[in-house]
Amino acid sequence: MSQTLSAELEGTGITVQVVCPGVVATEFHERQGMDLSMMPRMSAADVVTASLRGLELGETVCAPGVENGGLLDAVFQADLAAFGAQSPELATRYR
């Protein structure tokens, strides 16, 4: 949705970004009574840093823990291929 909205708003001066950080080290889980001390978590400061740098780089999708940005591009291209192949007919698997 963010990628589509970003494309629709291109040239308007409005920038759209979605941030997908995974689990972030905040007090949220503690307040819910969940112990995530054994789970790797990114700091909130790193998420903000990645988001701001992602905006500078022109990224619509910011995934701070994904080292290879090409993987995100591959997912986007796969989405385009899948949705570009839609038909007005009900897919066979749903009949």
Protein backbone atom coordinates (compact mmCIF):
# COMPACT_ATOMS: atom_id res chain seq x y z
CA MET A 1 0.00 0.00 0.00
CA SER A 2 2.80 2.42 0.87
CA GLN A 3 4.57 1.75 -2.42
CA THR A 4 1.39 2.39 -4.40
CA LEU A 5 0.62 5.55 -2.45
CA SER A 6 4.20 6.74 -2.94
CA ALA A 7 3.91 6.20 -6.70
CA GLU A 8 0.57 8.04 -6.81
CA LEU A 9 2.02 11.02 -4.93
CA GLU A 10 5.20 11.23 -7.01
CA GLY A 11 5.94 14.82 -7.99
CA THR A 12 3.63 16.33 -5.35
CA GLY A 13 6.33 16.98 -2.75
CA ILE A 14 4.77 14.43 -0.39
CA THR A 15 6.98 11.51 0.64
CA VAL A 16 5.63 8.18 1.87
CA GLN A 17 7.70 5.69 3.84
CA VAL A 18 6.87 2.50 5.70
CA VAL A 19 9.31 1.32 8.38
CA CYS A 20 9.52 -2.42 9.11
CA PRO A 21 11.97 -2.75 12.01
CA GLY A 22 10.97 -6.07 13.53
CA VAL A 23 11.05 -6.16 17.34
CA VAL A 24 12.22 -2.87 18.87
CA ALA A 25 13.70 -2.53 22.37
CA THR A 26 11.08 -0.43 24.15
CA GLU A 27 9.07 -0.81 27.35
CA PHE A 28 5.98 -1.88 25.34
CA HIS A 29 6.50 -5.63 25.86
CA GLU A 30 7.38 -5.25 29.54
CA ARG A 31 4.14 -3.35 30.14
CA GLN A 32 2.30 -6.24 28.47
CA GLY A 33 4.00 -8.68 30.85
CA MET A 34 6.03 -10.26 28.05
CA ASP A 35 9.63 -11.29 28.58
CA LEU A 36 11.52 -10.79 25.33
CA SER A 37 14.93 -10.53 26.97
CA MET A 38 16.19 -13.50 24.93
CA MET A 39 15.00 -12.05 21.61
CA PRO A 40 17.33 -9.78 19.64
CA ARG A 41 15.85 -6.30 19.46
CA MET A 42 16.88 -3.17 17.62
CA SER A 43 17.13 0.08 19.54
CA ALA A 44 14.53 2.76 18.87
CA ALA A 45 17.39 5.17 18.07
CA ASP A 46 18.65 2.84 15.33
CA VAL A 47 15.15 2.59 13.86
CA VAL A 48 14.89 6.38 13.69
CA THR A 49 18.39 6.67 12.19
CA ALA A 50 17.54 4.09 9.53
CA SER A 51 14.22 5.76 8.73
CA LEU A 52 15.76 9.19 8.27
CA ARG A 53 18.62 7.80 6.18
CA GLY A 54 16.11 5.78 4.15
CA LEU A 55 14.24 9.00 3.39
CA GLU A 56 17.51 10.57 2.22
CA LEU A 57 18.11 7.54 -0.01
CA GLY A 58 14.60 7.77 -1.44
CA GLU A 59 13.45 4.45 0.04
CA THR A 60 9.73 3.90 0.34
CA VAL A 61 10.25 0.68 2.31
CA CYS A 62 12.75 0.94 5.16
CA ALA A 63 13.74 -2.37 6.78
CA PRO A 64 16.54 -1.39 9.20
CA GLY A 65 17.72 -4.94 9.84
CA VAL A 66 17.87 -6.07 6.20
CA GLU A 67 21.45 -5.70 5.01
CA ASN A 68 20.82 -6.50 1.34
CA GLY A 69 18.44 -3.85 -0.03
CA GLY A 70 18.24 -5.84 -3.25
CA LEU A 71 16.09 -8.38 -1.41
CA LEU A 72 13.46 -5.68 -0.78
CA ASP A 73 13.59 -4.74 -4.46
CA ALA A 74 13.09 -8.41 -5.41
CA VAL A 75 10.01 -8.63 -3.19
CA PHE A 76 8.62 -5.47 -4.78
CA GLN A 77 9.22 -6.82 -8.29
CA ALA A 78 7.53 -10.11 -7.34
CA ASP A 79 4.52 -8.16 -6.02
CA LEU A 80 4.30 -6.21 -9.27
CA ALA A 81 4.46 -9.42 -11.29
CA ALA A 82 1.79 -11.13 -9.18
CA PHE A 83 -0.66 -8.25 -9.16
CA GLY A 84 0.07 -7.33 -12.76
CA ALA A 85 -1.06 -10.82 -13.76
CA GLN A 86 -4.53 -10.36 -12.28
CA SER A 87 -7.56 -11.20 -14.33
CA PRO A 88 -11.20 -10.23 -13.92
CA GLU A 89 -11.91 -13.99 -13.80
CA LEU A 90 -11.90 -15.99 -10.57
CA ALA A 91 -8.64 -17.91 -10.22
CA THR A 92 -8.97 -21.66 -10.75
CA ARG A 93 -7.75 -22.46 -7.23
CA TYR A 94 -10.79 -20.64 -5.78
CA ARG A 95 -13.39 -22.46 -7.86
